[in-house]
PDB file of N, CA and C in Angstrom:
ATOM      1  N   UNK A   1      34.487 102.310  71.844  1.00  0.00           N
ATOM      2  CA  UNK A   1      33.949 102.207  73.195  1.00  0.00           C
ATOM      3  C   UNK A   1      35.079 102.001  74.204  1.00  0.00           C
ATOM      4  N   UNK A   2      35.968 101.056  73.863  1.00  0.00           N
ATOM      5  CA  UNK A   2      37.086 100.770  74.768  1.00  0.00           C
ATOM      6  C   UNK A   2      37.935 102.018  75.008  1.00  0.00           C
ATOM      7  N   UNK A   3      38.226 102.751  73.944  1.00  0.00           N
ATOM      8  CA  UNK A   3      39.046 103.957  74.082  1.00  0.00           C
ATOM      9  C   UNK A   3      38.362 104.992  74.966  1.00  0.00           C
ATOM     10  N   UNK A   4      37.060 105.147  74.780  1.00  0.00           N
ATOM     11  CA  UNK A   4      36.303 106.122  75.568  1.00  0.00           C
ATOM     12  C   UNK A   4      36.277 105.733  77.039  1.00  0.00           C
ATOM     13  N   UNK A   5      36.112 104.434  77.306  1.00  0.00           N
ATOM     14  CA  UNK A   5      35.994 103.969  78.693  1.00  0.00           C
ATOM     15  C   UNK A   5      37.337 103.851  79.401  1.00  0.00           C
ATOM     16  N   UNK A   6      38.395 103.593  78.646  1.00  0.00           N
ATOM     17  CA  UNK A   6      39.722 103.403  79.244  1.00  0.00           C
ATOM     18  C   UNK A   6      40.125 104.596  80.101  1.00  0.00           C
ATOM     19  N   UNK A   7      39.764 105.792  79.651  1.00  0.00           N
ATOM     20  CA  UNK A   7      40.078 107.023  80.393  1.00  0.00           C
ATOM     21  C   UNK A   7      39.480 106.976  81.798  1.00  0.00           C
ATOM     22  N   UNK A   8      38.352 106.276  81.927  1.00  0.00           N
ATOM     23  CA  UNK A   8      37.653 106.187  83.212  1.00  0.00           C
ATOM     24  C   UNK A   8      37.990 104.898  83.962  1.00  0.00           C
ATOM     25  N   UNK A   9      38.954 104.145  83.444  1.00  0.00           N
ATOM     26  CA  UNK A   9      39.367 102.910  84.101  1.00  0.00           C
ATOM     27  C   UNK A   9      38.352 101.781  84.004  1.00  0.00           C
ATOM     28  N   UNK A  10      37.551 101.789  82.946  1.00  0.00           N
ATOM     29  CA  UNK A  10      36.514 100.776  82.777  1.00  0.00           C
ATOM     30  C   UNK A  10      36.703 100.014  81.478  1.00  0.00           C
ATOM     31  N   UNK A  11      36.267  98.762  81.493  1.00  0.00           N
ATOM     32  CA  UNK A  11      36.160  97.968  80.277  1.00  0.00           C
ATOM     33  C   UNK A  11      34.706  97.909  79.849  1.00  0.00           C
ATOM     34  N   UNK A  12      34.473  97.338  78.676  1.00  0.00           N
ATOM     35  CA  UNK A  12      33.124  97.287  78.124  1.00  0.00           C
ATOM     36  C   UNK A  12      32.164  96.507  79.012  1.00  0.00           C
ATOM     37  N   UNK A  13      32.575  95.357  79.494  1.00  0.00           N
ATOM     38  CA  UNK A  13      31.674  94.554  80.324  1.00  0.00           C
ATOM     39  C   UNK A  13      31.393  95.267  81.642  1.00  0.00           C
ATOM     40  N   UNK A  14      32.384  95.942  82.197  1.00  0.00           N
ATOM     41  CA  UNK A  14      32.148  96.726  83.409  1.00  0.00           C
ATOM     42  C   UNK A  14      31.113  97.814  83.124  1.00  0.00           C
ATOM     43  N   UNK A  15      31.223  98.469  81.968  1.00  0.00           N
ATOM     44  CA  UNK A  15      30.266  99.508  81.602  1.00  0.00           C
ATOM     45  C   UNK A  15      28.864  98.919  81.498  1.00  0.00           C
ATOM     46  N   UNK A  16      28.739  97.755  80.873  1.00  0.00           N
ATOM     47  CA  UNK A  16      27.420  97.137  80.721  1.00  0.00           C
ATOM     48  C   UNK A  16      26.794  96.811  82.077  1.00  0.00           C
ATOM     49  N   UNK A  17      27.604  96.354  83.030  1.00  0.00           N
ATOM     50  CA  UNK A  17      27.083  96.090  84.378  1.00  0.00           C
ATOM     51  C   UNK A  17      26.613  97.403  85.010  1.00  0.00           C
ATOM     52  N   UNK A  18      27.448  98.432  84.934  1.00  0.00           N
ATOM     53  CA  UNK A  18      27.061  99.728  85.493  1.00  0.00           C
ATOM     54  C   UNK A  18      25.808 100.271  84.803  1.00  0.00           C
ATOM     55  N   UNK A  19      25.748 100.135  83.490  1.00  0.00           N
ATOM     56  CA  UNK A  19      24.588 100.596  82.727  1.00  0.00           C
ATOM     57  C   UNK A  19      23.316  99.909  83.215  1.00  0.00           C
ATOM     58  N   UNK A  20      23.382  98.615  83.375  1.00  0.00           N
ATOM     59  CA  UNK A  20      22.208  97.865  83.829  1.00  0.00           C
ATOM     60  C   UNK A  20      21.776  98.317  85.224  1.00  0.00           C
ATOM     61  N   UNK A  21      22.726  98.455  86.123  1.00  0.00           N
ATOM     62  CA  UNK A  21      22.395  98.858  87.492  1.00  0.00           C
ATOM     63  C   UNK A  21      21.917 100.309  87.547  1.00  0.00           C
ATOM     64  N   UNK A  22      22.454 101.161  86.687  1.00  0.00           N
ATOM     65  CA  UNK A  22      22.057 102.570  86.694  1.00  0.00           C
ATOM     66  C   UNK A  22      20.690 102.775  86.042  1.00  0.00           C
ATOM     67  N   UNK A  23      20.369 101.996  85.034  1.00  0.00           N
ATOM     68  CA  UNK A  23      19.121 102.217  84.307  1.00  0.00           C
ATOM     69  C   UNK A  23      17.978 101.344  84.797  1.00  0.00           C
ATOM     70  N   UNK A  24      18.283 100.130  85.251  1.00  0.00           N
ATOM     71  CA  UNK A  24      17.242  99.209  85.712  1.00  0.00           C
ATOM     72  C   UNK A  24      17.133  99.221  87.234  1.00  0.00           C
ATOM     73  N   UNK A  25      18.270  99.400  87.890  1.00  0.00           N
ATOM     74  CA  UNK A  25      18.298  99.369  89.347  1.00  0.00           C
ATOM     75  C   UNK A  25      18.963  98.100  89.835  1.00  0.00           C
ATOM     76  N   UNK A  26      18.943  97.868  91.130  1.00  0.00           N
ATOM     77  CA  UNK A  26      19.584  96.675  91.685  1.00  0.00           C
ATOM     78  C   UNK A  26      19.107  95.417  90.965  1.00  0.00           C
ATOM     79  N   UNK A  27      20.044  94.510  90.733  1.00  0.00           N
ATOM     80  CA  UNK A  27      19.753  93.280  89.992  1.00  0.00           C
ATOM     81  C   UNK A  27      20.460  92.109  90.637  1.00  0.00           C
ATOM     82  N   UNK A  28      19.883  90.936  90.470  1.00  0.00           N
ATOM     83  CA  UNK A  28      20.550  89.718  90.927  1.00  0.00           C
ATOM     84  C   UNK A  28      21.698  89.422  89.979  1.00  0.00           C
ATOM     85  N   UNK A  29      22.813  89.008  90.553  1.00  0.00           N
ATOM     86  CA  UNK A  29      23.996  88.733  89.748  1.00  0.00           C
ATOM     87  C   UNK A  29      23.700  87.663  88.713  1.00  0.00           C
ATOM     88  N   UNK A  30      22.960  86.629  89.075  1.00  0.00           N
ATOM     89  CA  UNK A  30      22.673  85.543  88.126  1.00  0.00           C
ATOM     90  C   UNK A  30      21.840  86.043  86.951  1.00  0.00           C
ATOM     91  N   UNK A  31      20.973  87.042  87.184  1.00  0.00           N
ATOM     92  CA  UNK A  31      20.163  87.593  86.096  1.00  0.00           C
ATOM     93  C   UNK A  31      21.030  88.344  85.092  1.00  0.00           C
ATOM     94  N   UNK A  32      22.104  88.956  85.573  1.00  0.00           N
ATOM     95  CA  UNK A  32      22.995  89.684  84.674  1.00  0.00           C
ATOM     96  C   UNK A  32      23.771  88.747  83.760  1.00  0.00           C
ATOM     97  N   UNK A  33      24.030  87.526  84.218  1.00  0.00           N
ATOM     98  CA  UNK A  33      24.719  86.545  83.373  1.00  0.00           C
ATOM     99  C   UNK A  33      23.921  86.346  82.092  1.00  0.00           C
ATOM    100  N   UNK A  34      22.627  86.149  82.249  1.00  0.00           N
ATOM    101  CA  UNK A  34      21.751  85.938  81.099  1.00  0.00           C
ATOM    102  C   UNK A  34      21.578  87.219  80.298  1.00  0.00           C
ATOM    103  N   UNK A  35      21.293  88.298  80.980  1.00  0.00           N
ATOM    104  CA  UNK A  35      21.020  89.569  80.303  1.00  0.00           C
ATOM    105  C   UNK A  35      22.215  90.050  79.487  1.00  0.00           C
ATOM    106  N   UNK A  36      23.418  89.915  80.043  1.00  0.00           N
ATOM    107  CA  UNK A  36      24.615  90.413  79.366  1.00  0.00           C
ATOM    108  C   UNK A  36      25.284  89.363  78.482  1.00  0.00           C
ATOM    109  N   UNK A  37      24.752  88.123  78.530  1.00  0.00           N
ATOM    110  CA  UNK A  37      25.304  87.037  77.705  1.00  0.00           C
ATOM    111  C   UNK A  37      26.797  86.824  77.959  1.00  0.00           C
ATOM    112  N   UNK A  38      27.154  86.727  79.244  1.00  0.00           N
ATOM    113  CA  UNK A  38      28.535  86.432  79.613  1.00  0.00           C
ATOM    114  C   UNK A  38      28.541  85.198  80.505  1.00  0.00           C
ATOM    115  N   UNK A  39      29.682  84.560  80.590  1.00  0.00           N
ATOM    116  CA  UNK A  39      29.796  83.396  81.463  1.00  0.00           C
ATOM    117  C   UNK A  39      29.796  83.845  82.914  1.00  0.00           C
ATOM    118  N   UNK A  40      29.348  82.963  83.765  1.00  0.00           N
ATOM    119  CA  UNK A  40      29.257  83.267  85.191  1.00  0.00           C
ATOM    120  C   UNK A  40      30.620  83.672  85.757  1.00  0.00           C
ATOM    121  N   UNK A  41      31.670  82.950  85.364  1.00  0.00           N
ATOM    122  CA  UNK A  41      33.014  83.266  85.878  1.00  0.00           C
ATOM    123  C   UNK A  41      33.471  84.650  85.409  1.00  0.00           C
ATOM    124  N   UNK A  42      33.151  84.986  84.175  1.00  0.00           N
ATOM    125  CA  UNK A  42      33.511  86.303  83.647  1.00  0.00           C
ATOM    126  C   UNK A  42      32.810  87.397  84.433  1.00  0.00           C
ATOM    127  N   UNK A  43      31.507  87.221  84.643  1.00  0.00           N
ATOM    128  CA  UNK A  43      30.758  88.229  85.389  1.00  0.00           C
ATOM    129  C   UNK A  43      31.267  88.330  86.821  1.00  0.00           C
ATOM    130  N   UNK A  44      31.586  87.203  87.436  1.00  0.00           N
ATOM    131  CA  UNK A  44      32.112  87.235  88.805  1.00  0.00           C
ATOM    132  C   UNK A  44      33.394  88.050  88.881  1.00  0.00           C
ATOM    133  N   UNK A  45      34.269  87.880  87.891  1.00  0.00           N
ATOM    134  CA  UNK A  45      35.523  88.644  87.870  1.00  0.00           C
ATOM    135  C   UNK A  45      35.253  90.131  87.666  1.00  0.00           C
ATOM    136  N   UNK A  46      34.335  90.458  86.761  1.00  0.00           N
ATOM    137  CA  UNK A  46      33.994  91.848  86.495  1.00  0.00           C
ATOM    138  C   UNK A  46      33.383  92.488  87.736  1.00  0.00           C
ATOM    139  N   UNK A  47      32.450  91.787  88.363  1.00  0.00           N
ATOM    140  CA  UNK A  47      31.803  92.307  89.573  1.00  0.00           C
ATOM    141  C   UNK A  47      32.840  92.479  90.680  1.00  0.00           C
ATOM    142  N   UNK A  48      33.745  91.512  90.816  1.00  0.00           N
ATOM    143  CA  UNK A  48      34.799  91.625  91.825  1.00  0.00           C
ATOM    144  C   UNK A  48      35.636  92.879  91.628  1.00  0.00           C
ATOM    145  N   UNK A  49      35.946  93.191  90.380  1.00  0.00           N
ATOM    146  CA  UNK A  49      36.708  94.399  90.079  1.00  0.00           C
ATOM    147  C   UNK A  49      35.905  95.649  90.422  1.00  0.00           C
ATOM    148  N   UNK A  50      34.616  95.654  90.059  1.00  0.00           N
ATOM    149  CA  UNK A  50      33.769  96.817  90.357  1.00  0.00           C
ATOM    150  C   UNK A  50      33.574  96.999  91.856  1.00  0.00           C
ATOM    151  N   UNK A  51      33.504  95.890  92.590  1.00  0.00           N
ATOM    152  CA  UNK A  51      33.399  95.964  94.059  1.00  0.00           C
ATOM    153  C   UNK A  51      34.696  96.529  94.628  1.00  0.00           C
ATOM    154  N   UNK A  52      35.840  96.040  94.116  1.00  0.00           N
ATOM    155  CA  UNK A  52      37.138  96.530  94.597  1.00  0.00           C
ATOM    156  C   UNK A  52      37.316  98.021  94.310  1.00  0.00           C
ATOM    157  N   UNK A  53      36.727  98.501  93.218  1.00  0.00           N
ATOM    158  CA  UNK A  53      36.789  99.931  92.883  1.00  0.00           C
ATOM    159  C   UNK A  53      35.745 100.739  93.640  1.00  0.00           C
ATOM    160  N   UNK A  54      34.950 100.066  94.475  1.00  0.00           N
ATOM    161  CA  UNK A  54      33.888 100.698  95.258  1.00  0.00           C
ATOM    162  C   UNK A  54      32.809 101.339  94.377  1.00  0.00           C
ATOM    163  N   UNK A  55      32.544 100.724  93.209  1.00  0.00           N
ATOM    164  CA  UNK A  55      31.513 101.230  92.311  1.00  0.00           C
ATOM    165  C   UNK A  55      30.217 100.431  92.431  1.00  0.00           C
ATOM    166  N   UNK A  56      30.352  99.178  92.864  1.00  0.00           N
ATOM    167  CA  UNK A  56      29.205  98.277  92.991  1.00  0.00           C
ATOM    168  C   UNK A  56      29.277  97.599  94.347  1.00  0.00           C
ATOM    169  N   UNK A  57      28.119  97.355  94.906  1.00  0.00           N
ATOM    170  CA  UNK A  57      28.022  96.662  96.193  1.00  0.00           C
ATOM    171  C   UNK A  57      27.275  95.352  95.981  1.00  0.00           C
ATOM    172  N   UNK A  58      27.822  94.275  96.555  1.00  0.00           N
ATOM    173  CA  UNK A  58      27.160  92.966  96.537  1.00  0.00           C
ATOM    174  C   UNK A  58      26.475  92.767  97.870  1.00  0.00           C
ATOM    175  N   UNK A  59      25.200  92.398  97.817  1.00  0.00           N
ATOM    176  CA  UNK A  59      24.468  92.108  99.050  1.00  0.00           C
ATOM    177  C   UNK A  59      23.739  90.788  98.882  1.00  0.00           C
ATOM    178  N   UNK A  60      23.625  90.065  99.981  1.00  0.00           N
ATOM    179  CA  UNK A  60      22.879  88.812  99.920  1.00  0.00           C
ATOM    180  C   UNK A  60      21.427  89.106  99.635  1.00  0.00           C
ATOM    181  N   UNK A  61      20.839  88.284  98.777  1.00  0.00           N
ATOM    182  CA  UNK A  61      19.425  88.429  98.469  1.00  0.00           C
ATOM    183  C   UNK A  61      18.611  88.132  99.716  1.00  0.00           C
ATOM    184  N   UNK A  62      17.616  88.957  99.976  1.00  0.00           N
ATOM    185  CA  UNK A  62      16.828  88.789 101.202  1.00  0.00           C
ATOM    186  C   UNK A  62      15.968  87.537 101.172  1.00  0.00           C
ATOM    187  N   UNK A  63      15.631  87.039  99.992  1.00  0.00           N
ATOM    188  CA  UNK A  63      14.790  85.845  99.875  1.00  0.00           C
ATOM    189  C   UNK A  63      15.642  84.579  99.797  1.00  0.00           C
ATOM    190  N   UNK A  64      16.657  84.600  98.938  1.00  0.00           N
ATOM    191  CA  UNK A  64      17.534  83.442  98.739  1.00  0.00           C
ATOM    192  C   UNK A  64      18.951  83.853  99.120  1.00  0.00           C
ATOM    193  N   UNK A  65      19.380  83.469 100.312  1.00  0.00           N
ATOM    194  CA  UNK A  65      20.679  83.906 100.830  1.00  0.00           C
ATOM    195  C   UNK A  65      21.863  83.407 100.006  1.00  0.00           C
ATOM    196  N   UNK A  66      21.625  82.425  99.135  1.00  0.00           N
ATOM    197  CA  UNK A  66      22.704  81.932  98.268  1.00  0.00           C
ATOM    198  C   UNK A  66      22.964  82.883  97.104  1.00  0.00           C
ATOM    199  N   UNK A  67      21.994  83.713  96.798  1.00  0.00           N
ATOM    200  CA  UNK A  67      22.099  84.636  95.666  1.00  0.00           C
ATOM    201  C   UNK A  67      22.630  85.989  96.120  1.00  0.00           C
ATOM    202  N   UNK A  68      23.264  86.682  95.172  1.00  0.00           N
ATOM    203  CA  UNK A  68      23.780  88.012  95.462  1.00  0.00           C
ATOM    204  C   UNK A  68      23.080  89.027  94.570  1.00  0.00           C
ATOM    205  N   UNK A  69      22.692  90.119  95.176  1.00  0.00           N
ATOM    206  CA  UNK A  69      22.146  91.239  94.421  1.00  0.00           C
ATOM    207  C   UNK A  69      23.217  92.314  94.320  1.00  0.00           C
ATOM    208  N   UNK A  70      23.171  93.042  93.237  1.00  0.00           N
ATOM    209  CA  UNK A  70      24.153  94.086  92.986  1.00  0.00           C
ATOM    210  C   UNK A  70      23.453  95.432  92.911  1.00  0.00           C
ATOM    211  N   UNK A  71      24.118  96.450  93.412  1.00  0.00           N
ATOM    212  CA  UNK A  71      23.606  97.808  93.285  1.00  0.00           C
ATOM    213  C   UNK A  71      24.794  98.755  93.243  1.00  0.00           C
ATOM    214  N   UNK A  72      24.545  99.915  92.642  1.00  0.00           N
ATOM    215  CA  UNK A  72      25.597 100.925  92.578  1.00  0.00           C
ATOM    216  C   UNK A  72      25.834 101.516  93.959  1.00  0.00           C
ATOM    217  N   UNK A  73      27.079 101.799  94.244  1.00  0.00           N
ATOM    218  CA  UNK A  73      27.427 102.558  95.442  1.00  0.00           C
ATOM    219  C   UNK A  73      27.280 104.042  95.096  1.00  0.00           C
ATOM    220  N   UNK A  74      27.347 104.920  96.085  1.00  0.00           N
ATOM    221  CA  UNK A  74      27.356 106.358  95.756  1.00  0.00           C
ATOM    222  C   UNK A  74      28.481 106.722  94.787  1.00  0.00           C
ATOM    223  N   UNK A  75      29.644 106.112  94.958  1.00  0.00           N
ATOM    224  CA  UNK A  75      30.761 106.384  94.034  1.00  0.00           C
ATOM    225  C   UNK A  75      30.427 105.887  92.630  1.00  0.00           C
ATOM    226  N   UNK A  76      29.748 104.743  92.541  1.00  0.00           N
ATOM    227  CA  UNK A  76      29.323 104.215  91.251  1.00  0.00           C
ATOM    228  C   UNK A  76      28.305 105.120  90.582  1.00  0.00           C
ATOM    229  N   UNK A  77      27.374 105.649  91.368  1.00  0.00           N
ATOM    230  CA  UNK A  77      26.384 106.584  90.831  1.00  0.00           C
ATOM    231  C   UNK A  77      27.055 107.849  90.323  1.00  0.00           C
ATOM    232  N   UNK A  78      28.045 108.332  91.074  1.00  0.00           N
ATOM    233  CA  UNK A  78      28.753 109.543  90.668  1.00  0.00           C
ATOM    234  C   UNK A  78      29.523 109.297  89.369  1.00  0.00           C
ATOM    235  N   UNK A  79      30.237 108.161  89.291  1.00  0.00           N
ATOM    236  CA  UNK A  79      30.978 107.856  88.069  1.00  0.00           C
ATOM    237  C   UNK A  79      30.023 107.744  86.888  1.00  0.00           C
ATOM    238  N   UNK A  80      28.902 107.061  87.091  1.00  0.00           N
ATOM    239  CA  UNK A  80      27.935 106.895  86.000  1.00  0.00           C
ATOM    240  C   UNK A  80      27.479 108.261  85.483  1.00  0.00           C
ATOM    241  N   UNK A  81      27.227 109.183  86.389  1.00  0.00           N
ATOM    242  CA  UNK A  81      26.784 110.522  86.000  1.00  0.00           C
ATOM    243  C   UNK A  81      27.863 111.271  85.212  1.00  0.00           C
ATOM    244  N   UNK A  82      29.127 110.926  85.443  1.00  0.00           N
ATOM    245  CA  UNK A  82      30.240 111.609  84.784  1.00  0.00           C
ATOM    246  C   UNK A  82      30.635 110.971  83.452  1.00  0.00           C
ATOM    247  N   UNK A  83      30.200 109.736  83.210  1.00  0.00           N
ATOM    248  CA  UNK A  83      30.596 109.035  81.983  1.00  0.00           C
ATOM    249  C   UNK A  83      29.972 109.693  80.759  1.00  0.00           C
ATOM    250  N   UNK A  84      30.722 109.697  79.659  1.00  0.00           N
ATOM    251  CA  UNK A  84      30.169 110.292  78.435  1.00  0.00           C
ATOM    252  C   UNK A  84      29.036 109.430  77.875  1.00  0.00           C
ATOM    253  N   UNK A  85      28.170 110.066  77.121  1.00  0.00           N
ATOM    254  CA  UNK A  85      27.078 109.374  76.441  1.00  0.00           C
ATOM    255  C   UNK A  85      27.680 108.522  75.325  1.00  0.00           C
ATOM    256  N   UNK A  86      27.419 107.237  75.362  1.00  0.00           N
ATOM    257  CA  UNK A  86      27.983 106.333  74.359  1.00  0.00           C
ATOM    258  C   UNK A  86      26.985 105.998  73.257  1.00  0.00           C
ATOM    259  N   UNK A  87      25.916 106.759  73.160  1.00  0.00           N
ATOM    260  CA  UNK A  87      24.921 106.484  72.125  1.00  0.00           C
ATOM    261  C   UNK A  87      25.499 106.656  70.725  1.00  0.00           C
ATOM    262  N   UNK A  88      26.616 107.393  70.609  1.00  0.00           N
ATOM    263  CA  UNK A  88      27.245 107.563  69.306  1.00  0.00           C
ATOM    264  C   UNK A  88      27.653 106.214  68.714  1.00  0.00           C
ATOM    265  N   UNK A  89      27.938 105.245  69.568  1.00  0.00           N
ATOM    266  CA  UNK A  89      28.330 103.921  69.079  1.00  0.00           C
ATOM    267  C   UNK A  89      27.147 103.263  68.390  1.00  0.00           C
ATOM    268  N   UNK A  90      25.987 103.336  69.026  1.00  0.00           N
ATOM    269  CA  UNK A  90      24.777 102.771  68.424  1.00  0.00           C
ATOM    270  C   UNK A  90      24.474 103.479  67.107  1.00  0.00           C
ATOM    271  N   UNK A  91      24.603 104.796  67.100  1.00  0.00           N
ATOM    272  CA  UNK A  91      24.329 105.571  65.886  1.00  0.00           C
ATOM    273  C   UNK A  91      25.310 105.204  64.779  1.00  0.00           C
ATOM    274  N   UNK A  92      26.587 105.041  65.130  1.00  0.00           N
ATOM    275  CA  UNK A  92      27.587 104.689  64.124  1.00  0.00           C
ATOM    276  C   UNK A  92      27.313 103.307  63.536  1.00  0.00           C
ATOM    277  N   UNK A  93      26.884 102.384  64.382  1.00  0.00           N
ATOM    278  CA  UNK A  93      26.650 101.014  63.918  1.00  0.00           C
ATOM    279  C   UNK A  93      25.297 100.855  63.230  1.00  0.00           C
ATOM    280  N   UNK A  94      24.266 101.510  63.761  1.00  0.00           N
ATOM    281  CA  UNK A  94      22.901 101.251  63.286  1.00  0.00           C
ATOM    282  C   UNK A  94      22.196 102.482  62.720  1.00  0.00           C
ATOM    283  N   UNK A  95      22.898 103.585  62.559  1.00  0.00           N
ATOM    284  CA  UNK A  95      22.273 104.779  62.000  1.00  0.00           C
ATOM    285  C   UNK A  95      21.668 104.483  60.642  1.00  0.00           C
ATOM    286  N   UNK A  96      20.412 104.849  60.455  1.00  0.00           N
ATOM    287  CA  UNK A  96      19.737 104.603  59.188  1.00  0.00           C
ATOM    288  C   UNK A  96      19.137 103.218  59.058  1.00  0.00           C
ATOM    289  N   UNK A  97      19.371 102.345  60.045  1.00  0.00           N
ATOM    290  CA  UNK A  97      18.797 100.997  60.029  1.00  0.00           C
ATOM    291  C   UNK A  97      17.478 101.047  60.793  1.00  0.00           C
ATOM    292  N   UNK A  98      16.451 100.465  60.222  1.00  0.00           N
ATOM    293  CA  UNK A  98      15.145 100.486  60.885  1.00  0.00           C
ATOM    294  C   UNK A  98      15.202  99.717  62.203  1.00  0.00           C
ATOM    295  N   UNK A  99      14.311 100.068  63.091  1.00  0.00           N
ATOM    296  CA  UNK A  99      14.229  99.389  64.385  1.00  0.00           C
ATOM    297  C   UNK A  99      13.961  97.899  64.190  1.00  0.00           C
ATOM    298  N   UNK A 100      13.110  97.564  63.225  1.00  0.00           N
ATOM    299  CA  UNK A 100      12.788  96.156  62.945  1.00  0.00           C
ATOM    300  C   UNK A 100      14.033  95.405  62.483  1.00  0.00           C
ATOM    301  N   UNK A 101      14.813  96.013  61.588  1.00  0.00           N
ATOM    302  CA  UNK A 101      16.036  95.359  61.115  1.00  0.00           C
ATOM    303  C   UNK A 101      17.064  95.225  62.238  1.00  0.00           C
ATOM    304  N   UNK A 102      17.166  96.246  63.076  1.00  0.00           N
ATOM    305  CA  UNK A 102      18.104  96.180  64.201  1.00  0.00           C
ATOM    306  C   UNK A 102      17.714  95.055  65.151  1.00  0.00           C
ATOM    307  N   UNK A 103      16.422  94.862  65.368  1.00  0.00           N
ATOM    308  CA  UNK A 103      15.964  93.773  66.234  1.00  0.00           C
ATOM    309  C   UNK A 103      16.291  92.414  65.622  1.00  0.00           C
ATOM    310  N   UNK A 104      16.167  92.290  64.311  1.00  0.00           N
ATOM    311  CA  UNK A 104      16.529  91.035  63.643  1.00  0.00           C
ATOM    312  C   UNK A 104      18.013  90.751  63.838  1.00  0.00           C
ATOM    313  N   UNK A 105      18.834  91.767  63.647  1.00  0.00           N
ATOM    314  CA  UNK A 105      20.282  91.606  63.845  1.00  0.00           C
ATOM    315  C   UNK A 105      20.566  91.159  65.275  1.00  0.00           C
ATOM    316  N   UNK A 106      19.942  91.827  66.247  1.00  0.00           N
ATOM    317  CA  UNK A 106      20.163  91.476  67.658  1.00  0.00           C
ATOM    318  C   UNK A 106      19.736  90.037  67.926  1.00  0.00           C
ATOM    319  N   UNK A 107      18.586  89.636  67.377  1.00  0.00           N
ATOM    320  CA  UNK A 107      18.095  88.273  67.594  1.00  0.00           C
ATOM    321  C   UNK A 107      19.046  87.245  66.976  1.00  0.00           C
ATOM    322  N   UNK A 108      19.522  87.509  65.764  1.00  0.00           N
ATOM    323  CA  UNK A 108      20.455  86.594  65.097  1.00  0.00           C
ATOM    324  C   UNK A 108      21.756  86.495  65.891  1.00  0.00           C
ATOM    325  N   UNK A 109      22.274  87.632  66.362  1.00  0.00           N
ATOM    326  CA  UNK A 109      23.520  87.611  67.132  1.00  0.00           C
ATOM    327  C   UNK A 109      23.342  86.891  68.475  1.00  0.00           C
ATOM    328  N   UNK A 110      22.191  87.085  69.129  1.00  0.00           N
ATOM    329  CA  UNK A 110      21.922  86.358  70.381  1.00  0.00           C
ATOM    330  C   UNK A 110      21.912  84.858  70.136  1.00  0.00           C
ATOM    331  N   UNK A 111      21.232  84.437  69.069  1.00  0.00           N
ATOM    332  CA  UNK A 111      21.161  83.005  68.746  1.00  0.00           C
ATOM    333  C   UNK A 111      22.548  82.461  68.439  1.00  0.00           C
ATOM    334  N   UNK A 112      23.315  83.191  67.653  1.00  0.00           N
ATOM    335  CA  UNK A 112      24.670  82.743  67.321  1.00  0.00           C
ATOM    336  C   UNK A 112      25.533  82.641  68.572  1.00  0.00           C
ATOM    337  N   UNK A 113      25.410  83.627  69.462  1.00  0.00           N
ATOM    338  CA  UNK A 113      26.177  83.611  70.713  1.00  0.00           C
ATOM    339  C   UNK A 113      25.787  82.413  71.567  1.00  0.00           C
ATOM    340  N   UNK A 114      24.492  82.158  71.686  1.00  0.00           N
ATOM    341  CA  UNK A 114      24.026  81.009  72.473  1.00  0.00           C
ATOM    342  C   UNK A 114      24.574  79.707  71.911  1.00  0.00           C
ATOM    343  N   UNK A 115      24.570  79.568  70.590  1.00  0.00           N
ATOM    344  CA  UNK A 115      25.092  78.348  69.961  1.00  0.00           C
ATOM    345  C   UNK A 115      26.585  78.192  70.216  1.00  0.00           C
ATOM    346  N   UNK A 116      27.324  79.284  70.120  1.00  0.00           N
ATOM    347  CA  UNK A 116      28.763  79.208  70.369  1.00  0.00           C
ATOM    348  C   UNK A 116      29.057  78.866  71.829  1.00  0.00           C
ATOM    349  N   UNK A 117      28.277  79.433  72.748  1.00  0.00           N
ATOM    350  CA  UNK A 117      28.456  79.107  74.173  1.00  0.00           C
ATOM    351  C   UNK A 117      28.160  77.641  74.406  1.00  0.00           C
ATOM    352  N   UNK A 118      27.077  77.134  73.834  1.00  0.00           N
ATOM    353  CA  UNK A 118      26.740  75.713  73.993  1.00  0.00           C
ATOM    354  C   UNK A 118      27.849  74.834  73.437  1.00  0.00           C
ATOM    355  N   UNK A 119      28.377  75.222  72.284  1.00  0.00           N
ATOM    356  CA  UNK A 119      29.463  74.435  71.688  1.00  0.00           C
ATOM    357  C   UNK A 119      30.711  74.447  72.562  1.00  0.00           C
ATOM    358  N   UNK A 120      31.034  75.607  73.115  1.00  0.00           N
ATOM    359  CA  UNK A 120      32.235  75.708  73.948  1.00  0.00           C
ATOM    360  C   UNK A 120      32.070  74.943  75.259  1.00  0.00           C
ATOM    361  N   UNK A 121      30.822  74.755  75.674  1.00  0.00           N
ATOM    362  CA  UNK A 121      30.555  73.995  76.902  1.00  0.00           C
ATOM    363  C   UNK A 121      30.440  72.498  76.617  1.00  0.00           C
ATOM    364  N   UNK A 122      30.697  72.097  75.380  1.00  0.00           N
ATOM    365  CA  UNK A 122      30.683  70.679  75.040  1.00  0.00           C
ATOM    366  C   UNK A 122      29.352  70.156  74.551  1.00  0.00           C
ATOM    367  N   UNK A 123      28.417  71.049  74.257  1.00  0.00           N
ATOM    368  CA  UNK A 123      27.103  70.628  73.820  1.00  0.00           C
ATOM    369  C   UNK A 123      27.077  70.100  72.406  1.00  0.00           C
ATOM    370  N   UNK A 124      28.019  70.568  71.545  1.00  0.00           N
ATOM    371  CA  UNK A 124      28.079  70.111  70.160  1.00  0.00           C
ATOM    372  C   UNK A 124      29.536  69.804  69.824  1.00  0.00           C
ATOM    373  N   UNK A 125      29.724  68.883  68.879  1.00  0.00           N
ATOM    374  CA  UNK A 125      31.055  68.439  68.523  1.00  0.00           C
ATOM    375  C   UNK A 125      31.737  69.332  67.614  1.00  0.00           C
TER     376      UNK A 125
END
């Protein structure tokens, strides 16, 4: 994935942000922290880079002015349309694995990630 994206000047987390905005639409930045399972500071840095590249636009939320919503810029939409299909990664990793088994793997990895984040934040010794 990294090799494929490097040609386009993107990292994996940047791709995931673009993917979410391209497939789901504008999203609150705080919602992406949870959805992408990244720390707030990490996402802020990634979003800052995408804003500097003019691929993503940050706008104040119309309801809660403290929150920021993100959306693709026209340049971001154009780049997204030009990016190669990365479904080969999913096929390479999960080809032949049932949907039910893949969901179990995803659930186990989410739980493990949450536990590691809690531990790193001082929740466990």
